C-alpha atoms as a PDB file:
ATOM      1  CA  MET A   1      29.444 -27.592   0.269  1.00  0.00           C
ATOM      2  CA  ALA A   2      27.472 -27.095   3.739  1.00  0.00           C
ATOM      3  CA  ALA A   3      25.096 -23.961   4.299  1.00  0.00           C
ATOM      4  CA  LYS A   4      26.092 -22.005   6.268  1.00  0.00           C
ATOM      5  CA  THR A   5      23.280 -19.532   8.600  1.00  0.00           C
ATOM      6  CA  ILE A   6      24.202 -16.609   9.649  1.00  0.00           C
ATOM      7  CA  PRO A   7      22.191 -15.786  13.825  1.00  0.00           C
ATOM      8  CA  ASP A   8      19.492 -13.682  13.705  1.00  0.00           C
ATOM      9  CA  ASN A   9      22.137 -10.814  16.305  1.00  0.00           C
ATOM     10  CA  ALA A  10      24.722 -11.442  13.253  1.00  0.00           C
ATOM     11  CA  ALA A  11      22.923  -9.822  10.532  1.00  0.00           C
ATOM     12  CA  PRO A  12      23.615  -6.425   9.780  1.00  0.00           C
ATOM     13  CA  TYR A  13      21.378  -3.596   9.651  1.00  0.00           C
ATOM     14  CA  ILE A  14      19.924  -2.658   6.834  1.00  0.00           C
ATOM     15  CA  ARG A  15      18.640   0.305   5.905  1.00  0.00           C
ATOM     16  CA  THR A  16      16.587   1.057   2.791  1.00  0.00           C
ATOM     17  CA  ALA A  17      16.774   4.936   1.262  1.00  0.00           C
ATOM     18  CA  LYS A  18      13.213   6.344   1.631  1.00  0.00           C
ATOM     19  CA  ALA A  19      11.930   9.352  -1.112  1.00  0.00           C
ATOM     20  CA  VAL A  20      12.114  13.265  -0.129  1.00  0.00           C
ATOM     21  CA  GLY A  21       8.390  13.491  -0.742  1.00  0.00           C
ATOM     22  CA  ASP A  22       7.478  10.230   0.903  1.00  0.00           C
ATOM     23  CA  VAL A  23       5.868  11.569   4.295  1.00  0.00           C
ATOM     24  CA  PRO A  24       2.952  11.163   6.055  1.00  0.00           C
ATOM     25  CA  GLN A  25       0.519  14.075   5.195  1.00  0.00           C
ATOM     26  CA  GLU A  26      -3.410  13.912   4.665  1.00  0.00           C
ATOM     27  CA  ARG A  27      -4.408  13.633   1.191  1.00  0.00           C
ATOM     28  CA  ARG A  28      -7.995  13.102  -0.742  1.00  0.00           C
ATOM     29  CA  CYS A  29      -8.861   9.403  -1.393  1.00  0.00           C
ATOM     30  CA  LEU A  30      -8.978   8.532  -5.158  1.00  0.00           C
ATOM     31  CA  ARG A  31     -11.600   6.449  -4.885  1.00  0.00           C
ATOM     32  CA  CYS A  32     -14.444   8.563  -2.573  1.00  0.00           C
ATOM     33  CA  THR A  33     -12.297  11.974  -1.788  1.00  0.00           C
ATOM     34  CA  THR A  34     -12.689  12.284   1.783  1.00  0.00           C
ATOM     35  CA  ARG A  35      -9.460  13.476   3.371  1.00  0.00           C
ATOM     36  CA  PHE A  36      -7.605  11.343   5.269  1.00  0.00           C
ATOM     37  CA  VAL A  37      -4.178  10.646   6.738  1.00  0.00           C
ATOM     38  CA  SER A  38      -1.708   8.853   4.401  1.00  0.00           C
ATOM     39  CA  GLU A  39       1.682   6.534   5.343  1.00  0.00           C
ATOM     40  CA  GLY A  40       3.351   8.356   1.850  1.00  0.00           C
ATOM     41  CA  PHE A  41       2.690   8.823  -1.943  1.00  0.00           C
ATOM     42  CA  GLY A  42       2.021   5.200  -2.265  1.00  0.00           C
ATOM     43  CA  GLU A  43      -1.127   5.089  -0.187  1.00  0.00           C
ATOM     44  CA  ARG A  44      -4.036   7.425  -1.964  1.00  0.00           C
ATOM     45  CA  ILE A  45      -7.128   5.253  -1.159  1.00  0.00           C
ATOM     46  CA  CYS A  46      -8.516   5.519   2.476  1.00  0.00           C
ATOM     47  CA  ARG A  47      -9.378   2.824   5.135  1.00  0.00           C
ATOM     48  CA  ARG A  48     -13.010   2.603   4.766  1.00  0.00           C
ATOM     49  CA  CYS A  49     -12.680   2.388   0.865  1.00  0.00           C
ATOM     50  CA  LYS A  50      -9.751  -0.534   1.711  1.00  0.00           C
ATOM     51  CA  GLY A  51     -12.355  -2.189   3.787  1.00  0.00           C
ATOM     52  CA  LEU A  52     -15.451  -2.845   1.446  1.00  0.00           C
ATOM     53  CA  ASN A  53     -15.440  -5.751  -0.689  1.00  0.00           C
ATOM     54  CA  ALA A  54     -15.872  -4.094  -3.988  1.00  0.00           C
ATOM     55  CA  TRP A  55     -11.882  -3.289  -2.841  1.00  0.00           C
ATOM     56  CA  ARG A  56     -10.461  -6.797  -1.448  1.00  0.00           C
ATOM     57  CA  ASN A  57     -12.575  -8.704  -4.213  1.00  0.00           C
ATOM     58  CA  ALA A  58     -11.726  -6.128  -6.784  1.00  0.00           C
ATOM     59  CA  VAL A  59     -15.061  -6.068  -8.019  1.00  0.00           C
ATOM     60  CA  SER A  60     -15.298  -3.354 -10.618  1.00  0.00           C
ATOM     61  CA  VAL A  61     -17.753  -0.640  -8.689  1.00  0.00           C
ATOM     62  CA  THR A  62     -20.558  -0.437 -11.746  1.00  0.00           C
ATOM     63  CA  PRO A  63     -21.678  -2.391 -14.521  1.00  0.00           C
ATOM     64  CA  GLY A  64     -19.263  -2.578 -17.548  1.00  0.00           C
ATOM     65  CA  GLN A  65     -16.258  -1.292 -16.199  1.00  0.00           C
ATOM     66  CA  SER A  66     -14.522  -5.035 -16.464  1.00  0.00           C
ATOM     67  CA  ARG A  67     -11.093  -5.017 -18.235  1.00  0.00           C
ATOM     68  CA  ARG A  68     -12.492  -9.239 -18.914  1.00  0.00           C
ATOM     69  CA  ARG A  69     -13.178 -10.569 -22.590  1.00  0.00           C
END
């Protein structure tokens, strides 16, 4: 059986349901506790903290907090 392709303009428009509480609002960063505007309830770390090497490389902030053995 041959594979059928669907042209891009024929693809149906699909909307995903968004939770009622998932709205942009001002929240506190879980890392540095400063206030920032969050895109939704899944974003709890501010942009400044996400830009740090420790965040990007998943390096623990203080020694001894690693889960590796």
